[in-house]
């Protein structure tokens, strides 16, 4: 099986599992639109025992280097119907679609399904927490290319900074991102798992980790090397760099 086939299979398996929040179940949990289909269906199920009203909204989706999601209302992705009323134990479908043609880079969106409060009931004595589910939607580029690059980690002021870049035109989501700092003998001084999350087309993710007293002491005495490894369905991206003696101050 090719790397592309393995990546596709992993996405299909992930999309097969429903998203659940409160009494709302939604599947699939990821939607891909493109030349083979510009529309898709979301199944929204009421798994509770009371009627459910759900508002459906669409938004464009971007992220900054800290992984913070930026969303803006959009008309480039449409969802119908915009309001659902679902009886207990039943489901409704939401059709999601776009008129966007495949471009040079993948486009990323979110569909938000928000539970609306029930009609006012002055006799109700309980507080009900309303749920909200966000489903990623991607519009494929004409020719998808996934290219993950880890920049050599840099250390200063007692911290090491790692940068994971997406130099391709389609998103990736690492299954694992790990920082390992080794001493002169090769033994690990610091091992830390970092959050693996979507890095959208043309984007980057920046990580900062405190070195700690033991690593700083070793860095003053001998060569210390930091290595960042990102594991993806398409393989690994890795980079290493020495930590200079002055990285933790005098």
Protein backbone atom coordinates (compact mmCIF):
# COMPACT_ATOMS: atom_id res chain seq x y z
CA UNK A 1 0.00 0.00 0.00
CA UNK A 2 1.38 3.42 -0.99
CA UNK A 3 1.88 6.28 1.46
CA UNK A 4 -0.99 8.18 -0.19
CA UNK A 5 -3.28 5.16 0.11
CA UNK A 6 -2.41 4.74 3.81
CA UNK A 7 -3.11 8.42 4.44
CA UNK A 8 -6.47 8.17 2.63
CA UNK A 9 -7.44 5.04 4.58
CA UNK A 10 -6.61 6.74 7.89
CA UNK A 11 -8.85 9.70 7.02
CA UNK A 12 -11.73 7.42 6.01
CA UNK A 13 -11.48 5.47 9.25
CA UNK A 14 -11.40 8.67 11.29
CA UNK A 15 -14.40 10.05 9.44
CA UNK A 16 -16.41 6.89 10.13
CA UNK A 17 -16.58 7.52 13.89
CA UNK A 18 -19.36 9.85 15.13
CA UNK A 19 -18.72 13.02 17.12
CA UNK A 20 -20.69 13.15 20.36
CA UNK A 21 -21.47 16.03 22.68
CA UNK A 22 -24.30 15.86 25.18
CA UNK A 23 -27.29 14.37 23.38
CA UNK A 24 -26.05 15.27 19.87
CA UNK A 25 -24.29 12.65 17.71
CA UNK A 26 -22.83 13.73 14.36
CA UNK A 27 -21.19 11.71 11.60
CA UNK A 28 -18.92 11.89 9.76
CA UNK A 29 -16.55 13.99 11.85
CA UNK A 30 -14.60 15.24 8.81
CA UNK A 31 -15.86 16.27 5.38
CA UNK A 32 -13.81 16.47 2.19
CA UNK A 33 -15.21 18.17 -0.89
CA UNK A 34 -13.61 18.24 -4.33
CA UNK A 35 -13.90 17.23 -7.97
CA UNK A 36 -15.64 13.96 -7.07
CA UNK A 37 -18.28 15.68 -4.98
CA UNK A 38 -19.00 19.25 -3.97
CA UNK A 39 -21.70 18.29 -1.49
CA UNK A 40 -21.88 15.90 1.45
CA UNK A 41 -24.36 14.88 4.14
CA UNK A 42 -23.97 15.18 7.88
CA UNK A 43 -26.22 12.96 9.97
CA UNK A 44 -27.26 14.68 13.20
CA UNK A 45 -28.88 12.38 15.76
CA UNK A 46 -30.72 13.18 18.98
CA UNK A 47 -29.55 10.49 21.40
CA UNK A 48 -31.37 12.08 24.35
CA UNK A 49 -34.87 11.82 25.70
CA UNK A 50 -36.06 15.36 25.01
CA UNK A 51 -36.66 17.24 21.71
CA UNK A 52 -33.61 18.99 20.28
CA UNK A 53 -33.21 22.20 18.30
CA UNK A 54 -29.91 22.72 16.51
CA UNK A 55 -28.64 25.78 14.65
CA UNK A 56 -26.19 25.16 11.80
CA UNK A 57 -23.56 27.74 10.81
CA UNK A 58 -20.55 27.72 8.47
CA UNK A 59 -17.26 29.58 8.81
CA UNK A 60 -13.90 29.90 7.11
CA UNK A 61 -11.09 28.48 9.24
CA UNK A 62 -7.50 29.59 9.75
CA UNK A 63 -5.03 29.06 12.60
CA UNK A 64 -2.13 31.02 14.02
CA UNK A 65 1.26 29.58 14.96
CA UNK A 66 0.05 28.84 18.51
CA UNK A 67 -2.73 26.63 17.13
CA UNK A 68 -5.50 29.12 17.99
CA UNK A 69 -8.42 28.72 15.60
CA UNK A 70 -9.62 31.79 13.69
CA UNK A 71 -13.10 31.52 12.17
CA UNK A 72 -15.16 34.00 10.18
CA UNK A 73 -18.71 33.67 8.82
CA UNK A 74 -18.65 32.63 5.17
CA UNK A 75 -20.96 32.17 2.18
CA UNK A 76 -18.42 30.02 0.33
CA UNK A 77 -19.59 26.97 2.26
CA UNK A 78 -23.33 26.43 2.56
CA UNK A 79 -25.31 24.21 4.94
CA UNK A 80 -29.01 23.36 4.67
CA UNK A 81 -31.25 23.42 6.60
CA UNK A 82 -29.87 26.10 8.93
CA UNK A 83 -32.18 24.99 11.75
CA UNK A 84 -33.03 21.45 12.83
CA UNK A 85 -35.76 20.16 15.11
CA UNK A 86 -35.00 16.56 16.07
CA UNK A 87 -37.25 14.30 18.10
CA UNK A 88 -35.67 11.97 20.69
CA UNK A 89 -34.08 8.89 19.15
CA UNK A 90 -34.29 10.21 15.57
CA UNK A 91 -31.88 11.90 13.17
CA UNK A 92 -31.87 14.60 10.48
CA UNK A 93 -29.47 15.23 7.63
CA UNK A 94 -27.63 18.47 6.88
CA UNK A 95 -26.33 18.96 3.36
CA UNK A 96 -23.00 20.79 3.16
CA UNK A 97 -21.75 22.09 -0.16
CA UNK A 98 -19.66 24.61 -2.05
CA UNK A 99 -19.41 26.07 -5.55
CA UNK A 100 -15.66 26.58 -5.18
CA UNK A 101 -13.58 24.96 -7.92
CA UNK A 102 -10.35 23.16 -6.95
CA UNK A 103 -7.64 25.80 -6.60
CA UNK A 104 -3.88 25.80 -6.01
CA UNK A 105 -4.29 25.22 -2.26
CA UNK A 106 -6.75 23.41 -0.02
CA UNK A 107 -9.47 25.57 1.56
CA UNK A 108 -10.51 24.91 5.15
CA UNK A 109 -13.87 25.55 6.80
CA UNK A 110 -15.87 24.59 9.88
CA UNK A 111 -19.52 23.63 10.30
CA UNK A 112 -20.85 24.53 13.74
CA UNK A 113 -23.86 22.70 15.17
CA UNK A 114 -25.15 24.54 18.22
CA UNK A 115 -27.92 23.33 20.50
CA UNK A 116 -30.52 26.02 21.11
CA UNK A 117 -32.23 26.45 24.48
CA UNK A 118 -35.66 24.84 24.85
CA UNK A 119 -38.75 27.06 25.12
CA UNK A 120 -38.86 28.89 28.45
CA UNK A 121 -40.26 26.74 31.23
CA UNK A 122 -40.66 28.57 34.51
CA UNK A 123 -41.21 25.27 36.30
CA UNK A 124 -37.84 23.87 35.25
CA UNK A 125 -35.56 23.53 38.26
CA UNK A 126 -32.42 22.27 36.48
CA UNK A 127 -29.74 24.11 34.53
CA UNK A 128 -29.15 22.61 31.09
CA UNK A 129 -25.72 22.91 29.47
CA UNK A 130 -26.08 23.51 25.74
CA UNK A 131 -23.68 21.66 23.46
CA UNK A 132 -21.71 22.78 20.41
CA UNK A 133 -19.94 20.61 17.85
CA UNK A 134 -17.46 21.80 15.22
CA UNK A 135 -16.87 19.68 12.10
CA UNK A 136 -13.87 20.40 9.79
CA UNK A 137 -14.60 20.70 6.08
CA UNK A 138 -11.85 20.74 3.45
CA UNK A 139 -12.12 21.68 -0.22
CA UNK A 140 -9.37 19.78 -2.02
CA UNK A 141 -6.82 21.52 -4.26
CA UNK A 142 -6.35 20.51 -7.88
CA UNK A 143 -3.22 18.50 -7.04
CA UNK A 144 -2.80 17.79 -3.27
CA UNK A 145 0.76 17.87 -1.92
CA UNK A 146 1.55 17.17 1.74
CA UNK A 147 4.97 18.43 2.84
CA UNK A 148 5.80 18.68 6.55
CA UNK A 149 9.05 20.38 7.54
CA UNK A 150 10.52 20.65 11.05
CA UNK A 151 12.82 23.65 11.44
CA UNK A 152 15.97 23.11 13.56
CA UNK A 153 14.96 23.86 17.18
CA UNK A 154 16.40 27.01 18.75
CA UNK A 155 17.17 27.63 22.42
CA UNK A 156 17.39 30.89 24.34
CA UNK A 157 16.51 32.22 27.80
CA UNK A 158 16.02 28.72 29.19
CA UNK A 159 13.49 27.64 26.57
CA UNK A 160 13.61 25.66 23.34
CA UNK A 161 11.41 26.65 20.40
CA UNK A 162 10.33 24.19 17.72
CA UNK A 163 8.59 25.05 14.47
CA UNK A 164 6.53 22.63 12.35
CA UNK A 165 5.79 24.03 8.89
CA UNK A 166 3.36 22.96 6.21
CA UNK A 167 5.10 23.72 2.92
CA UNK A 168 2.51 21.79 0.92
CA UNK A 169 -0.92 22.81 -0.32
CA UNK A 170 -2.98 20.39 1.82
CA UNK A 171 -3.34 20.07 5.58
CA UNK A 172 -1.72 17.43 7.73
CA UNK A 173 -2.31 16.31 11.31
CA UNK A 174 0.62 14.60 13.06
CA UNK A 175 -0.22 11.55 15.12
CA UNK A 176 2.67 12.50 17.42
CA UNK A 177 5.10 15.39 17.93
CA UNK A 178 7.97 14.78 20.34
CA UNK A 179 10.89 16.79 21.70
CA UNK A 180 13.96 14.97 23.01
CA UNK A 181 17.02 16.73 24.45
CA UNK A 182 20.12 14.55 24.80
CA UNK A 183 23.34 15.12 26.69
CA UNK A 184 26.92 14.58 25.55
CA UNK A 185 26.69 10.85 26.27
CA UNK A 186 23.58 10.47 24.14
CA UNK A 187 21.24 9.83 27.06
CA UNK A 188 17.94 11.75 27.24
CA UNK A 189 17.81 14.78 29.54
CA UNK A 190 14.30 15.85 28.54
CA UNK A 191 11.52 14.03 26.69
CA UNK A 192 8.20 15.72 26.07
CA UNK A 193 5.20 14.96 23.88
CA UNK A 194 3.79 18.03 22.15
CA UNK A 195 0.26 18.54 20.91
CA UNK A 196 -0.36 17.11 17.46
CA UNK A 197 -3.06 19.13 15.70
CA UNK A 198 -3.94 20.28 12.21
CA UNK A 199 -1.35 22.35 10.38
CA UNK A 200 -3.29 23.89 7.52
CA UNK A 201 -1.95 24.44 4.01
CA UNK A 202 0.86 27.00 4.09
CA UNK A 203 0.65 27.30 7.88
CA UNK A 204 2.95 26.52 10.78
CA UNK A 205 2.81 25.45 14.42
CA UNK A 206 5.22 26.83 17.02
CA UNK A 207 6.04 25.03 20.28
CA UNK A 208 7.94 26.39 23.28
CA UNK A 209 9.25 24.16 26.07
CA UNK A 210 11.13 25.14 29.23
CA UNK A 211 14.50 23.39 29.39
CA UNK A 212 14.60 22.98 33.17
CA UNK A 213 17.51 23.14 35.61
CA UNK A 214 19.02 19.74 34.73
CA UNK A 215 19.18 20.47 30.99
CA UNK A 216 20.53 23.96 31.56
CA UNK A 217 23.28 22.61 33.84
CA UNK A 218 24.24 20.00 31.25
CA UNK A 219 24.23 22.59 28.49
CA UNK A 220 26.82 24.65 30.37
CA UNK A 221 29.10 21.63 30.72
CA UNK A 222 28.90 19.86 27.36
CA UNK A 223 27.12 19.66 24.02
CA UNK A 224 23.37 19.17 24.27
CA UNK A 225 21.19 18.44 21.24
CA UNK A 226 17.47 18.97 20.78
CA UNK A 227 15.54 16.84 18.28
CA UNK A 228 11.92 17.38 17.22
CA UNK A 229 10.10 14.58 15.40
CA UNK A 230 6.64 14.80 13.82
CA UNK A 231 5.02 11.52 12.83
CA UNK A 232 2.50 11.63 9.98
CA UNK A 233 0.67 9.08 7.86
CA UNK A 234 3.07 10.00 5.06
CA UNK A 235 6.21 9.44 7.16
CA UNK A 236 8.34 11.36 9.63
CA UNK A 237 9.72 14.88 9.64
CA UNK A 238 12.66 15.47 11.96
CA UNK A 239 15.25 18.13 12.75
CA UNK A 240 18.02 18.49 15.36
CA UNK A 241 20.16 21.37 16.58
CA UNK A 242 22.70 21.92 19.37
CA UNK A 243 21.76 23.89 22.46
CA UNK A 244 24.52 26.43 23.05
CA UNK A 245 26.05 26.79 26.54
CA UNK A 246 24.59 30.28 26.97
CA UNK A 247 21.00 29.26 26.20
CA UNK A 248 20.09 29.29 29.90
CA UNK A 249 21.95 32.44 30.79
CA UNK A 250 25.24 32.88 32.65
